[in-house]
Amino acid sequence: GNEKYINDQRFELVSRRRGQNTLKLKFTNASDAGNFECQVSTNPKISQIFKLNIIVPSVSVDGQQEKHVMAGSPVELKCYIKNCLKQPTYVFWYMSGSRLLDSGGRVK
């Protein structure tokens, strides 16, 4: 049939008590999306299909990734965060590898 045995340490089968079986998957990535089936070897077979969707967050900037401004002019740099299932706790800005703002929004 459609049996697939994988040698992937991210998958773990956990049986905590009789009648309960849990498939754990650590460190999911986009290629893990798809249908998973829990199948019980009864006659007739019984099963349940789970559809796993993986949401991959992304970050983009407003406009071009490079800006040119005159010295002394104000500039705004906007960063958009998409596909997050929950609001990030922190968003940091860096310049040449050094963090610019502390968590209170003050320039260091």
C-alpha atoms as a PDB file:
ATOM      1  CA  GLY A   1       0.000   0.000   0.000  1.00  0.00           C
ATOM      2  CA  ASN A   2       1.041   3.537   0.809  1.00  0.00           C
ATOM      3  CA  GLU A   3       3.262   2.583   3.743  1.00  0.00           C
ATOM      4  CA  LYS A   4       6.196   4.821   4.421  1.00  0.00           C
ATOM      5  CA  TYR A   5       8.842   4.215   7.009  1.00  0.00           C
ATOM      6  CA  ILE A   6      11.012   7.212   7.705  1.00  0.00           C
ATOM      7  CA  ASN A   7      14.310   7.634   9.446  1.00  0.00           C
ATOM      8  CA  ASP A   8      13.569  11.105  10.773  1.00  0.00           C
ATOM      9  CA  GLN A   9      14.344  11.814  14.425  1.00  0.00           C
ATOM     10  CA  ARG A  10      11.768  14.640  14.470  1.00  0.00           C
ATOM     11  CA  PHE A  11       8.944  12.081  14.532  1.00  0.00           C
ATOM     12  CA  GLU A  12       8.082  10.331  17.787  1.00  0.00           C
ATOM     13  CA  LEU A  13       5.230   7.953  18.594  1.00  0.00           C
ATOM     14  CA  VAL A  14       4.020   8.445  22.150  1.00  0.00           C
ATOM     15  CA  SER A  15       1.609   6.067  23.901  1.00  0.00           C
ATOM     16  CA  ARG A  16       0.827   7.433  27.348  1.00  0.00           C
ATOM     17  CA  ARG A  17      -2.127   5.210  28.159  1.00  0.00           C
ATOM     18  CA  ARG A  18      -4.208   2.493  26.593  1.00  0.00           C
ATOM     19  CA  GLY A  19      -6.263   3.761  23.653  1.00  0.00           C
ATOM     20  CA  GLN A  20      -4.288   6.965  23.196  1.00  0.00           C
ATOM     21  CA  ASN A  21      -1.527   7.249  20.613  1.00  0.00           C
ATOM     22  CA  THR A  22       0.170  10.507  19.772  1.00  0.00           C
ATOM     23  CA  LEU A  23       2.449  11.293  16.865  1.00  0.00           C
ATOM     24  CA  LYS A  24       4.792  14.144  17.790  1.00  0.00           C
ATOM     25  CA  LEU A  25       6.646  16.103  15.148  1.00  0.00           C
ATOM     26  CA  LYS A  26       9.394  18.491  16.241  1.00  0.00           C
ATOM     27  CA  PHE A  27      10.762  21.417  14.240  1.00  0.00           C
ATOM     28  CA  THR A  28       8.116  21.433  11.505  1.00  0.00           C
ATOM     29  CA  ASN A  29       8.831  22.964   8.133  1.00  0.00           C
ATOM     30  CA  ALA A  30       6.729  23.697   5.047  1.00  0.00           C
ATOM     31  CA  SER A  31       7.420  20.288   3.474  1.00  0.00           C
ATOM     32  CA  ASP A  32       5.717  18.563   6.448  1.00  0.00           C
ATOM     33  CA  ALA A  33       2.290  19.841   5.371  1.00  0.00           C
ATOM     34  CA  GLY A  34      -0.182  17.236   4.213  1.00  0.00           C
ATOM     35  CA  ASN A  35      -2.584  14.542   5.327  1.00  0.00           C
ATOM     36  CA  PHE A  36      -1.699  12.289   8.247  1.00  0.00           C
ATOM     37  CA  GLU A  37      -3.781   9.201   8.960  1.00  0.00           C
ATOM     38  CA  CYS A  38      -4.227   7.424  12.280  1.00  0.00           C
ATOM     39  CA  GLN A  39      -5.215   3.886  11.308  1.00  0.00           C
ATOM     40  CA  VAL A  40      -6.341   1.133  13.675  1.00  0.00           C
ATOM     41  CA  SER A  41      -5.831  -2.489  12.641  1.00  0.00           C
ATOM     42  CA  THR A  42      -9.402  -3.657  13.151  1.00  0.00           C
ATOM     43  CA  ASN A  43     -11.661  -5.514  10.745  1.00  0.00           C
ATOM     44  CA  PRO A  44     -12.929  -3.449   9.069  1.00  0.00           C
ATOM     45  CA  LYS A  45     -10.146  -0.913   9.524  1.00  0.00           C
ATOM     46  CA  ILE A  46     -10.986   2.376  11.173  1.00  0.00           C
ATOM     47  CA  SER A  47      -9.023   5.543  10.665  1.00  0.00           C
ATOM     48  CA  GLN A  48      -9.018   9.294  11.026  1.00  0.00           C
ATOM     49  CA  ILE A  49      -7.284  11.730   8.691  1.00  0.00           C
ATOM     50  CA  PHE A  50      -5.695  14.913   9.978  1.00  0.00           C
ATOM     51  CA  LYS A  51      -4.749  17.726   7.608  1.00  0.00           C
ATOM     52  CA  LEU A  52      -1.621  19.525   8.775  1.00  0.00           C
ATOM     53  CA  ASN A  53      -1.085  23.044   7.452  1.00  0.00           C
ATOM     54  CA  ILE A  54       2.249  24.701   8.143  1.00  0.00           C
ATOM     55  CA  ILE A  55       2.216  28.483   8.432  1.00  0.00           C
ATOM     56  CA  VAL A  56       5.620  29.969   7.633  1.00  0.00           C
ATOM     57  CA  PRO A  57       6.102  33.525   8.940  1.00  0.00           C
ATOM     58  CA  SER A  58       7.822  36.020   6.657  1.00  0.00           C
ATOM     59  CA  VAL A  59       9.208  39.528   6.883  1.00  0.00           C
ATOM     60  CA  SER A  60       9.205  42.141   4.140  1.00  0.00           C
ATOM     61  CA  VAL A  61      10.093  45.809   3.867  1.00  0.00           C
ATOM     62  CA  ASP A  62       8.069  48.674   2.462  1.00  0.00           C
ATOM     63  CA  GLY A  63       9.350  49.546  -1.017  1.00  0.00           C
ATOM     64  CA  GLN A  64      12.884  48.787  -2.134  1.00  0.00           C
ATOM     65  CA  GLN A  65      15.426  47.154   0.164  1.00  0.00           C
ATOM     66  CA  GLU A  66      17.793  50.062  -0.484  1.00  0.00           C
ATOM     67  CA  LYS A  67      16.879  53.716   0.100  1.00  0.00           C
ATOM     68  CA  HIS A  68      18.723  56.926  -0.800  1.00  0.00           C
ATOM     69  CA  VAL A  69      17.998  60.093   1.209  1.00  0.00           C
ATOM     70  CA  MET A  70      19.626  63.483   1.520  1.00  0.00           C
ATOM     71  CA  ALA A  71      21.684  64.079   4.661  1.00  0.00           C
ATOM     72  CA  GLY A  72      19.529  65.703   7.329  1.00  0.00           C
ATOM     73  CA  SER A  73      16.292  64.300   5.877  1.00  0.00           C
ATOM     74  CA  PRO A  74      13.956  62.168   7.974  1.00  0.00           C
ATOM     75  CA  VAL A  75      13.417  58.583   6.858  1.00  0.00           C
ATOM     76  CA  GLU A  76      11.005  55.839   7.898  1.00  0.00           C
ATOM     77  CA  LEU A  77      11.879  52.160   7.528  1.00  0.00           C
ATOM     78  CA  LYS A  78       8.865  49.874   7.688  1.00  0.00           C
ATOM     79  CA  CYS A  79       9.036  46.151   8.318  1.00  0.00           C
ATOM     80  CA  TYR A  80       5.956  43.968   7.732  1.00  0.00           C
ATOM     81  CA  ILE A  81       5.527  40.635   9.492  1.00  0.00           C
ATOM     82  CA  LYS A  82       3.144  38.223   7.766  1.00  0.00           C
ATOM     83  CA  ASN A  83       1.704  34.781   8.483  1.00  0.00           C
ATOM     84  CA  CYS A  84       2.261  34.835  12.231  1.00  0.00           C
ATOM     85  CA  LEU A  85      -0.284  32.861  14.226  1.00  0.00           C
ATOM     86  CA  LYS A  86       0.429  35.057  17.242  1.00  0.00           C
ATOM     87  CA  GLN A  87       1.927  38.496  17.686  1.00  0.00           C
ATOM     88  CA  PRO A  88       5.716  38.300  18.176  1.00  0.00           C
ATOM     89  CA  THR A  89       6.823  39.200  21.692  1.00  0.00           C
ATOM     90  CA  TYR A  90       9.694  41.313  20.375  1.00  0.00           C
ATOM     91  CA  VAL A  91      10.756  42.937  17.120  1.00  0.00           C
ATOM     92  CA  PHE A  92      14.283  44.315  17.075  1.00  0.00           C
ATOM     93  CA  TRP A  93      16.000  46.715  14.685  1.00  0.00           C
ATOM     94  CA  TYR A  94      19.716  46.392  14.004  1.00  0.00           C
ATOM     95  CA  MET A  95      22.246  48.599  12.250  1.00  0.00           C
ATOM     96  CA  SER A  96      25.506  46.964  11.115  1.00  0.00           C
ATOM     97  CA  GLY A  97      24.923  44.103  13.549  1.00  0.00           C
ATOM     98  CA  SER A  98      24.201  46.265  16.613  1.00  0.00           C
ATOM     99  CA  ARG A  99      20.724  46.440  18.117  1.00  0.00           C
ATOM    100  CA  LEU A 100      19.313  49.969  17.951  1.00  0.00           C
ATOM    101  CA  LEU A 101      16.341  50.013  20.318  1.00  0.00           C
ATOM    102  CA  ASP A 102      15.637  48.455  23.677  1.00  0.00           C
ATOM    103  CA  SER A 103      12.256  46.828  24.387  1.00  0.00           C
ATOM    104  CA  GLY A 104      10.804  50.175  25.500  1.00  0.00           C
ATOM    105  CA  GLY A 105      11.415  51.740  22.081  1.00  0.00           C
ATOM    106  CA  ARG A 106      14.301  53.941  23.275  1.00  0.00           C
ATOM    107  CA  VAL A 107      17.480  54.333  21.204  1.00  0.00           C
ATOM    108  CA  LYS A 108      20.444  52.746  22.950  1.00  0.00           C
END
